[in-house]
Amino acid sequence: MAYVFLIKISILSIIIACALNGLFFLSAFNEDKWNENIFSPV
């Protein structure tokens, strides 16, 4: 039963990491400075 618990924790951690990355990208995307840094090749 322990491995099921570990699998659930790993899935939750992956979901939380994806959510944090999404929030960071959206917050950075809303700022003009970050917007230029993301899309400009320089």
C-alpha atoms as a PDB file:
ATOM      1  CA  MET A   1       0.000   0.000   0.000  1.00  0.00           C
ATOM      2  CA  ALA A   2       2.942   2.319   0.550  1.00  0.00           C
ATOM      3  CA  TYR A   3       3.748   2.563  -3.160  1.00  0.00           C
ATOM      4  CA  VAL A   4       0.201   3.756  -3.900  1.00  0.00           C
ATOM      5  CA  PHE A   5       0.697   6.564  -1.374  1.00  0.00           C
ATOM      6  CA  LEU A   6       4.009   7.514  -2.998  1.00  0.00           C
ATOM      7  CA  ILE A   7       2.416   7.540  -6.458  1.00  0.00           C
ATOM      8  CA  LYS A   8      -0.351   9.850  -5.241  1.00  0.00           C
ATOM      9  CA  ILE A   9       2.196  12.236  -3.701  1.00  0.00           C
ATOM     10  CA  SER A  10       4.301  12.253  -6.874  1.00  0.00           C
ATOM     11  CA  ILE A  11       1.247  13.009  -9.032  1.00  0.00           C
ATOM     12  CA  LEU A  12       0.199  15.836  -6.696  1.00  0.00           C
ATOM     13  CA  SER A  13       3.709  17.296  -6.719  1.00  0.00           C
ATOM     14  CA  ILE A  14       3.764  17.230 -10.541  1.00  0.00           C
ATOM     15  CA  ILE A  15       0.371  18.968 -10.709  1.00  0.00           C
ATOM     16  CA  ILE A  16       1.506  21.628  -8.207  1.00  0.00           C
ATOM     17  CA  ALA A  17       4.750  22.195 -10.144  1.00  0.00           C
ATOM     18  CA  CYS A  18       2.824  22.604 -13.409  1.00  0.00           C
ATOM     19  CA  ALA A  19       0.404  25.032 -11.749  1.00  0.00           C
ATOM     20  CA  LEU A  20       3.261  27.123 -10.329  1.00  0.00           C
ATOM     21  CA  ASN A  21       5.008  27.210 -13.719  1.00  0.00           C
ATOM     22  CA  GLY A  22       1.760  28.281 -15.382  1.00  0.00           C
ATOM     23  CA  LEU A  23       1.167  31.074 -12.861  1.00  0.00           C
ATOM     24  CA  PHE A  24       4.764  32.305 -13.201  1.00  0.00           C
ATOM     25  CA  PHE A  25       4.544  32.291 -16.999  1.00  0.00           C
ATOM     26  CA  LEU A  26       1.236  34.162 -16.997  1.00  0.00           C
ATOM     27  CA  SER A  27       2.506  36.775 -14.537  1.00  0.00           C
ATOM     28  CA  ALA A  28       5.688  37.223 -16.579  1.00  0.00           C
ATOM     29  CA  PHE A  29       3.710  37.281 -19.817  1.00  0.00           C
ATOM     30  CA  ASN A  30       1.566  40.157 -18.556  1.00  0.00           C
ATOM     31  CA  GLU A  31       4.609  42.355 -17.995  1.00  0.00           C
ATOM     32  CA  ASP A  32       6.018  44.169 -21.020  1.00  0.00           C
ATOM     33  CA  LYS A  33       9.653  43.714 -19.965  1.00  0.00           C
ATOM     34  CA  TRP A  34       9.263  39.945 -19.577  1.00  0.00           C
ATOM     35  CA  ASN A  35       7.222  39.844 -22.774  1.00  0.00           C
ATOM     36  CA  GLU A  36      10.106  41.396 -24.724  1.00  0.00           C
ATOM     37  CA  ASN A  37      12.652  39.109 -23.054  1.00  0.00           C
ATOM     38  CA  ILE A  38      10.653  35.993 -23.946  1.00  0.00           C
ATOM     39  CA  PHE A  39      10.059  36.771 -27.612  1.00  0.00           C
ATOM     40  CA  SER A  40      13.126  38.823 -28.559  1.00  0.00           C
ATOM     41  CA  PRO A  41      16.139  36.790 -29.761  1.00  0.00           C
ATOM     42  CA  VAL A  42      18.623  39.210 -28.162  1.00  0.00           C
END
